[in-house]
Protein backbone atom coordinates (compact mmCIF):
# COMPACT_ATOMS: atom_id res chain seq x y z
CA MET A 1 -16.31 129.44 -99.21
CA GLY A 2 -15.42 132.54 -97.19
CA LEU A 3 -17.19 133.64 -94.03
CA GLU A 4 -19.11 136.42 -95.76
CA GLU A 5 -20.46 134.06 -98.43
CA GLU A 6 -21.40 131.48 -95.80
CA ILE A 7 -23.20 134.14 -93.76
CA GLU A 8 -25.14 135.32 -96.82
CA ASP A 9 -26.14 131.76 -97.72
CA ILE A 10 -27.51 131.17 -94.21
CA ARG A 11 -29.40 134.49 -94.27
CA GLU A 12 -31.01 133.52 -97.58
CA GLU A 13 -32.01 130.10 -96.24
CA ILE A 14 -33.56 131.64 -93.13
CA SER A 15 -35.53 134.19 -95.16
CA SER A 16 -36.79 131.54 -97.59
CA THR A 17 -37.86 129.07 -94.88
CA PRO A 18 -41.42 129.57 -93.58
CA TYR A 19 -41.54 129.64 -89.78
CA ASN A 20 -43.74 127.04 -88.12
CA LYS A 21 -43.44 124.34 -85.49
CA SER A 22 -41.98 121.83 -87.93
CA THR A 23 -39.26 124.24 -89.12
CA GLU A 24 -38.62 125.96 -85.77
CA GLY A 25 -35.71 123.69 -84.82
CA HIS A 26 -34.02 124.06 -88.21
CA ILE A 27 -34.36 127.86 -88.17
CA GLY A 28 -33.07 127.92 -84.59
CA ARG A 29 -29.91 126.04 -85.58
CA LEU A 30 -29.41 128.30 -88.60
CA LYS A 31 -29.75 131.47 -86.52
CA ALA A 32 -27.37 130.11 -83.88
CA LYS A 33 -24.79 129.25 -86.54
CA LEU A 34 -25.27 132.67 -88.15
CA ALA A 35 -24.60 134.41 -84.82
CA GLU A 36 -21.38 132.43 -84.34
CA LEU A 37 -20.15 133.17 -87.88
CA LYS A 38 -20.90 136.88 -87.57
CA GLU A 39 -18.97 136.96 -84.30
CA LYS A 40 -16.02 135.22 -85.97
CA LEU A 41 -16.08 137.62 -88.94
CA GLU A 42 -16.23 140.65 -86.65
CA ASN A 43 -13.28 139.39 -84.61
CA GLN A 44 -11.26 138.88 -87.79
CA SER A 45 -12.03 142.34 -89.19
CA SER A 46 -11.26 144.10 -85.90
CA ALA A 47 -7.98 142.25 -85.30
CA GLY A 48 -6.06 144.94 -87.19
CA GLY A 49 -7.14 147.59 -84.72
CA GLY A 50 -8.03 151.13 -85.77
CA GLN A 51 -8.96 154.46 -84.27
CA GLY A 52 -11.23 154.13 -81.27
CA TYR A 53 -13.17 156.62 -79.21
CA ALA A 54 -12.01 156.36 -75.62
CA VAL A 55 -14.30 158.46 -73.42
CA GLU A 56 -13.99 158.35 -69.66
CA LYS A 57 -17.35 157.98 -67.98
CA THR A 58 -17.91 160.63 -65.35
CA GLY A 59 -20.85 161.99 -63.39
CA ASP A 60 -23.94 160.17 -62.17
CA ALA A 61 -25.00 158.73 -65.55
CA THR A 62 -24.02 158.77 -69.23
CA VAL A 63 -26.28 159.48 -72.20
CA ALA A 64 -25.40 158.84 -75.86
CA LEU A 65 -26.94 161.10 -78.53
CA VAL A 66 -27.50 158.89 -81.60
CA GLY A 67 -28.51 160.12 -85.03
CA PHE A 68 -27.51 160.37 -88.65
CA PRO A 69 -25.25 163.27 -89.75
CA SER A 70 -26.60 166.83 -89.74
CA VAL A 71 -29.54 166.13 -87.46
CA GLY A 72 -28.42 168.74 -84.91
CA LYS A 73 -26.74 166.71 -82.17
CA SER A 74 -23.85 169.14 -81.74
CA THR A 75 -26.22 172.10 -81.48
CA LEU A 76 -28.28 170.23 -78.88
CA ILE A 77 -25.36 169.23 -76.70
CA ASN A 78 -24.08 172.80 -76.73
CA ALA A 79 -27.52 173.98 -75.60
CA LEU A 80 -27.81 171.36 -72.86
CA THR A 81 -24.27 171.31 -71.48
CA ASN A 82 -20.97 173.07 -71.14
CA ALA A 83 -19.56 171.31 -74.20
CA GLU A 84 -18.22 173.14 -77.23
CA SER A 85 -18.98 170.83 -80.12
CA GLU A 86 -18.39 172.23 -83.61
CA THR A 87 -21.58 172.80 -85.57
CA GLY A 88 -22.27 173.36 -89.23
CA ALA A 89 -24.98 172.83 -91.82
CA TYR A 90 -23.15 169.99 -93.54
CA GLU A 91 -22.49 166.34 -92.87
CA PHE A 92 -19.80 164.88 -90.60
CA THR A 93 -19.07 168.05 -88.65
CA THR A 94 -18.37 165.97 -85.54
CA LEU A 95 -15.38 163.68 -86.08
CA ASN A 96 -14.71 162.85 -82.43
CA VAL A 97 -16.86 161.96 -79.44
CA ASN A 98 -17.50 165.18 -77.55
CA PRO A 99 -18.65 164.85 -73.94
CA GLY A 100 -20.56 167.54 -72.10
CA MET A 101 -22.08 167.70 -68.63
CA LEU A 102 -25.76 168.40 -68.09
CA LYS A 103 -26.47 169.59 -64.56
CA TYR A 104 -30.06 168.81 -63.65
CA LYS A 105 -31.78 168.43 -60.28
CA GLY A 106 -28.41 168.23 -58.59
CA ALA A 107 -27.19 165.41 -60.85
CA ASN A 108 -24.24 165.50 -63.23
CA ILE A 109 -25.37 163.74 -66.43
CA GLN A 110 -22.64 163.16 -69.02
CA ILE A 111 -23.92 163.53 -72.59
CA LEU A 112 -21.86 162.17 -75.48
CA ASP A 113 -22.19 163.78 -78.89
CA VAL A 114 -21.03 160.87 -81.05
CA PRO A 115 -20.21 161.21 -84.75
CA GLY A 116 -23.26 160.85 -86.98
CA LEU A 117 -24.00 157.26 -87.92
CA ILE A 118 -24.33 156.18 -91.52
CA GLU A 119 -26.03 153.11 -92.90
CA GLY A 120 -23.74 150.12 -92.51
CA ALA A 121 -22.12 151.56 -89.37
CA ALA A 122 -22.31 148.26 -87.49
CA GLY A 123 -20.41 146.66 -90.39
CA GLY A 124 -17.61 149.19 -90.03
CA ARG A 125 -18.63 151.89 -92.53
CA GLY A 126 -17.63 155.40 -91.52
CA GLY A 127 -15.89 154.18 -88.37
CA GLY A 128 -19.28 152.94 -87.23
CA ARG A 129 -18.02 150.17 -84.97
CA GLU A 130 -15.92 152.63 -82.97
CA VAL A 131 -18.90 154.98 -82.64
CA LEU A 132 -21.23 152.19 -81.59
CA SER A 133 -18.72 150.90 -79.04
CA VAL A 134 -19.14 154.23 -77.23
CA VAL A 135 -22.93 153.90 -77.33
CA ARG A 136 -22.62 150.48 -75.65
CA THR A 137 -21.04 152.10 -72.58
CA ALA A 138 -23.91 154.57 -72.04
CA ASP A 139 -26.79 154.27 -69.57
CA LEU A 140 -29.35 155.73 -71.98
CA VAL A 141 -29.68 156.21 -75.73
CA VAL A 142 -31.35 159.41 -76.96
CA PHE A 143 -32.32 159.03 -80.61
CA MET A 144 -32.30 162.38 -82.36
CA LEU A 145 -34.43 162.59 -85.49
CA SER A 146 -35.18 165.40 -87.89
CA VAL A 147 -38.87 166.16 -88.05
CA PHE A 148 -38.53 165.74 -91.84
CA GLU A 149 -36.77 162.33 -91.68
CA ILE A 150 -38.72 160.26 -89.16
CA ASP A 151 -38.27 157.11 -91.29
CA ARG A 152 -34.56 157.02 -90.44
CA TYR A 153 -35.42 155.87 -86.90
CA GLU A 154 -35.78 152.27 -88.06
CA ARG A 155 -32.35 152.35 -89.70
CA LEU A 156 -30.77 153.66 -86.51
CA GLN A 157 -32.39 150.87 -84.53
CA GLU A 158 -31.10 148.30 -87.01
CA GLU A 159 -27.53 149.61 -86.71
CA LEU A 160 -27.62 149.40 -82.92
CA TYR A 161 -29.20 145.94 -83.02
CA ALA A 162 -26.47 144.73 -85.39
CA ASN A 163 -23.92 145.96 -82.85
CA LYS A 164 -25.52 143.84 -80.10
CA ILE A 165 -27.37 146.72 -78.44
CA ARG A 166 -30.85 145.70 -77.28
CA LEU A 167 -33.16 148.62 -76.62
CA ASP A 168 -35.98 148.85 -74.08
CA SER A 169 -35.86 145.15 -73.24
CA THR A 170 -34.34 142.84 -70.65
CA PRO A 171 -32.12 139.75 -70.97
CA PRO A 172 -33.95 136.43 -71.23
CA ASN A 173 -34.52 134.55 -67.98
CA LEU A 174 -31.95 131.90 -68.84
CA SER A 175 -29.65 129.78 -66.70
CA ILE A 176 -27.05 127.38 -68.13
CA THR A 177 -24.87 125.09 -66.02
CA LYS A 178 -22.27 122.99 -67.80
CA LYS A 179 -22.07 119.33 -66.76
CA GLY A 180 -19.57 116.54 -67.35
CA LYS A 181 -22.09 114.12 -68.82
CA GLY A 182 -25.77 113.48 -69.40
CA GLY A 183 -26.34 115.58 -72.52
CA ILE A 184 -28.50 118.71 -72.47
CA ARG A 185 -31.41 118.74 -70.02
CA VAL A 186 -33.99 121.50 -70.43
CA THR A 187 -36.41 122.85 -67.83
CA LYS A 188 -38.81 125.49 -69.08
CA SER A 189 -41.84 127.32 -67.75
CA ASP A 190 -45.29 127.00 -69.32
CA SER A 191 -44.88 130.45 -70.93
CA VAL A 192 -41.95 129.27 -73.05
CA GLU A 193 -43.35 128.34 -76.47
CA LEU A 194 -40.04 127.16 -77.96
CA GLU A 195 -39.83 123.39 -78.37
CA GLU A 196 -37.33 121.58 -76.16
CA GLU A 197 -35.50 120.20 -79.22
CA THR A 198 -35.22 123.72 -80.64
CA ILE A 199 -33.55 124.92 -77.43
CA LYS A 200 -31.19 121.95 -77.44
CA GLY A 201 -30.31 122.49 -81.10
CA VAL A 202 -29.45 126.15 -80.52
CA LEU A 203 -27.25 125.22 -77.56
CA ARG A 204 -25.42 122.55 -79.54
CA GLU A 205 -24.62 125.06 -82.28
CA HIS A 206 -23.00 127.19 -79.59
CA GLY A 207 -20.80 124.30 -78.41
CA PHE A 208 -22.80 122.93 -75.48
CA VAL A 209 -22.75 119.15 -75.15
CA ASN A 210 -23.66 118.48 -71.51
CA ALA A 211 -25.61 121.11 -69.60
CA GLU A 212 -28.65 121.85 -67.46
CA VAL A 213 -30.72 124.67 -68.91
CA THR A 214 -33.57 126.58 -67.30
CA LEU A 215 -35.64 129.00 -69.39
CA ARG A 216 -38.59 131.09 -68.21
CA GLY A 217 -40.86 133.68 -69.80
CA GLU A 218 -41.87 134.35 -73.38
CA THR A 219 -38.63 133.91 -75.31
CA THR A 220 -37.93 133.94 -79.05
CA ILE A 221 -35.08 132.14 -80.79
CA ASP A 222 -33.22 135.42 -81.22
CA GLU A 223 -33.61 136.25 -77.53
CA LEU A 224 -32.38 132.78 -76.57
CA ILE A 225 -29.28 133.28 -78.73
CA ASP A 226 -28.73 136.70 -77.12
CA GLY A 227 -28.79 135.08 -73.70
CA ILE A 228 -26.30 132.41 -74.72
CA MET A 229 -23.87 134.86 -76.39
CA LYS A 230 -23.67 137.04 -73.23
CA ASN A 231 -22.21 140.04 -75.09
CA ARG A 232 -25.44 141.93 -75.62
CA VAL A 233 -26.03 145.30 -73.94
CA TYR A 234 -29.54 146.23 -72.77
CA LEU A 235 -30.26 149.96 -72.72
CA PRO A 236 -33.34 152.18 -72.36
CA SER A 237 -34.01 154.77 -75.07
CA ILE A 238 -36.05 157.89 -75.73
CA VAL A 239 -36.65 159.91 -78.91
CA ALA A 240 -36.18 163.63 -79.51
CA VAL A 241 -37.61 165.06 -82.73
CA ASN A 242 -35.58 168.10 -83.75
CA LYS A 243 -36.38 171.11 -85.97
CA ALA A 244 -39.99 171.09 -84.79
CA ASP A 245 -40.05 174.89 -85.08
CA LEU A 246 -39.72 174.58 -88.87
CA ILE A 247 -43.07 172.86 -89.44
CA ASP A 248 -46.42 174.55 -89.64
CA GLU A 249 -49.56 173.37 -87.90
CA ASN A 250 -50.98 171.78 -91.05
CA TYR A 251 -47.95 169.47 -91.37
CA LEU A 252 -48.16 168.17 -87.78
CA PRO A 253 -50.67 165.36 -88.56
CA THR A 254 -48.23 164.10 -91.23
CA VAL A 255 -45.41 164.06 -88.69
CA GLU A 256 -47.58 162.17 -86.20
CA GLU A 257 -48.53 159.61 -88.85
CA ASN A 258 -44.85 159.17 -89.78
CA LEU A 259 -44.04 158.49 -86.14
CA ARG A 260 -46.76 155.86 -85.85
CA GLU A 261 -45.48 154.15 -89.00
CA VAL A 262 -42.11 153.49 -87.31
CA GLY A 263 -43.72 152.35 -84.06
CA LEU A 264 -43.46 155.59 -82.10
CA ASP A 265 -46.28 157.16 -80.12
CA PRO A 266 -46.38 160.92 -80.92
CA ASP A 267 -47.30 161.59 -77.28
CA GLU A 268 -44.17 159.81 -76.04
CA VAL A 269 -41.53 161.56 -78.15
CA THR A 270 -40.17 164.99 -77.28
CA PHE A 271 -40.44 167.71 -79.91
CA ILE A 272 -37.56 170.16 -79.70
CA SER A 273 -35.65 172.82 -81.56
CA ALA A 274 -31.97 172.67 -80.67
CA GLU A 275 -31.28 175.84 -82.65
CA ALA A 276 -34.06 177.86 -81.00
CA GLU A 277 -33.58 176.07 -77.65
CA LYS A 278 -37.24 175.09 -77.43
CA GLY A 279 -38.52 171.97 -75.68
CA LEU A 280 -35.25 171.46 -73.82
CA ASP A 281 -36.78 171.50 -70.33
CA ALA A 282 -39.11 168.67 -71.34
CA LEU A 283 -36.17 166.74 -72.82
CA LYS A 284 -34.14 167.14 -69.62
CA GLU A 285 -37.06 165.77 -67.59
CA ASP A 286 -37.47 162.85 -70.00
CA ILE A 287 -33.76 162.03 -69.67
CA TRP A 288 -34.05 162.15 -65.87
CA GLU A 289 -37.04 159.82 -65.85
CA ALA A 290 -35.56 157.39 -68.37
CA LEU A 291 -32.36 157.10 -66.35
CA GLY A 292 -34.39 156.36 -63.23
CA LEU A 293 -32.42 158.78 -61.07
CA ILE A 294 -33.43 159.87 -57.57
CA ARG A 295 -32.13 162.52 -55.17
CA VAL A 296 -31.31 161.79 -51.55
CA TYR A 297 -30.55 164.77 -49.34
CA MET A 298 -27.92 164.10 -46.69
CA ASP A 299 -28.51 165.27 -43.12
CA LYS A 300 -24.96 166.10 -42.07
CA PRO A 301 -24.09 166.25 -38.35
CA GLY A 302 -23.81 169.83 -37.18
CA ARG A 303 -24.56 171.23 -40.66
CA GLY A 304 -28.16 170.26 -41.30
CA VAL A 305 -29.67 168.97 -44.53
CA ASP A 306 -27.74 169.64 -47.74
CA TYR A 307 -30.38 170.40 -50.38
CA ASP A 308 -27.87 171.89 -52.84
CA GLU A 309 -25.80 168.79 -53.63
CA PRO A 310 -27.92 165.65 -53.24
CA LEU A 311 -26.61 162.11 -53.37
CA VAL A 312 -27.82 160.85 -56.75
CA LEU A 313 -28.90 157.21 -56.88
CA ARG A 314 -31.17 155.00 -59.03
CA LYS A 315 -34.75 153.92 -58.37
CA GLY A 316 -34.66 150.76 -56.29
CA ASP A 317 -31.37 151.63 -54.60
CA THR A 318 -31.07 150.91 -50.89
CA ILE A 319 -29.26 152.33 -47.89
CA ASP A 320 -26.49 149.87 -48.74
CA ASP A 321 -26.10 151.43 -52.20
CA ALA A 322 -26.05 154.89 -50.63
CA ILE A 323 -23.30 154.15 -48.11
CA THR A 324 -21.27 152.35 -50.80
CA LYS A 325 -21.34 155.54 -52.89
CA LEU A 326 -20.58 157.68 -49.85
CA GLY A 327 -17.33 155.82 -49.17
CA ALA A 328 -15.51 153.08 -47.29
CA LYS A 329 -15.36 155.04 -44.02
CA LEU A 330 -19.15 155.00 -43.65
CA GLU A 331 -19.33 151.36 -44.73
CA GLU A 332 -16.97 150.29 -41.97
CA GLY A 333 -18.63 152.28 -39.22
CA PHE A 334 -22.29 151.95 -40.22
CA ARG A 335 -24.75 151.24 -37.39
CA PHE A 336 -28.12 152.29 -38.81
CA ALA A 337 -29.77 155.12 -40.72
CA ARG A 338 -32.65 157.50 -40.19
CA VAL A 339 -34.88 158.40 -43.14
CA SER A 340 -37.54 161.06 -43.58
CA GLY A 341 -39.51 161.52 -46.77
CA PRO A 342 -41.48 159.47 -49.31
CA SER A 343 -39.94 156.10 -48.43
CA ALA A 344 -40.33 156.48 -44.66
CA LYS A 345 -43.34 155.46 -42.57
CA HIS A 346 -42.67 158.45 -40.33
CA ASP A 347 -40.04 161.16 -39.91
CA GLU A 348 -36.60 159.89 -38.93
CA GLN A 349 -37.59 156.25 -39.28
CA GLN A 350 -34.73 154.01 -38.18
CA VAL A 351 -33.80 151.63 -40.99
CA GLY A 352 -31.15 149.13 -41.97
CA ARG A 353 -29.09 148.52 -45.09
CA ASP A 354 -31.94 146.91 -47.07
CA HIS A 355 -34.32 149.91 -46.88
CA VAL A 356 -35.28 151.10 -50.40
CA LEU A 357 -34.89 154.85 -50.83
CA ALA A 358 -37.14 157.20 -52.83
CA ASP A 359 -36.69 160.52 -54.60
CA GLU A 360 -36.17 163.44 -52.19
CA ASP A 361 -35.68 161.33 -49.09
CA VAL A 362 -33.63 162.89 -46.30
CA LEU A 363 -30.98 160.49 -45.00
CA ARG A 364 -28.87 160.55 -41.86
CA VAL A 365 -26.27 157.81 -41.39
CA ILE A 366 -25.39 156.83 -37.82
CA THR A 367 -21.89 155.40 -37.40
CA THR A 368 -19.78 154.08 -34.56
CA ARG A 369 -17.50 156.58 -32.91
């Protein structure tokens, strides 16, 4: 039996087995084996190589525009950035990954217009694996949907999931330490509902014989497998609904109902028209917020505060992150910093490397002479 047939047999057994506590362990082992076989099949099919999409990441963050063909991605990227992506009212206009740079609030945000996905992309159809490999390198996924084809959102999600991209979630709180003997020992928090034998069975299918395992939080079998495989990418996402200018007011309730049916809150998506360049300011702000970017204005000795070109960091970044981005010279000579703004208790508060910065802080770094 070939790999594809074996994979299909396991899928059928999983789908035909009712999930309950008595079958949990069996389903866990099947899913673990399925993940290993799919990995093996993918490695075999990609061994011959093929055309890839090598895009150098530049700027402060990278965004991937994801959508099916002819949804308007090229028109949008041309409206948002300095890119010149070919557009046309027919499918597969974009045959290469076209990067453009969105300049917003002093940040340089690279936006990738990737070729339109088709169903089966994760399995290699239409060069889908190469396209999805670019998406994996991004910091944010922007799904672009036509207002008339909201249902395609679920298919896009499925393609990304099949290519090991996990959206709007975090890795499981899992720790595995291999041991020389003693079998598999499991420590789990009260919030973990998986049975200990299920966890052990999944680990054995992935080749673990002796190990200490710690698992915390609400974790499903699929999430446990993701944590063991260690090749999943976790990315935030937002949704832009294009061609909104083509619907009349009476059709809007239908659009909102279609969004709810695929699990989207109409108030949380951004309605735009790439062609008419409407709704783009709201989309830029949504991208900024989803990336979690902040601006830090540098107080430069003898030149004052530079408000034109801020240092762009991420929410939660510290003085240490700031000086690392500023360069080795400041790292070597750092003494302390002075901060004014939202994160400071008072103007020019003296702080150390562990101080957490906030958007629109003013920072002055004091170094040794």
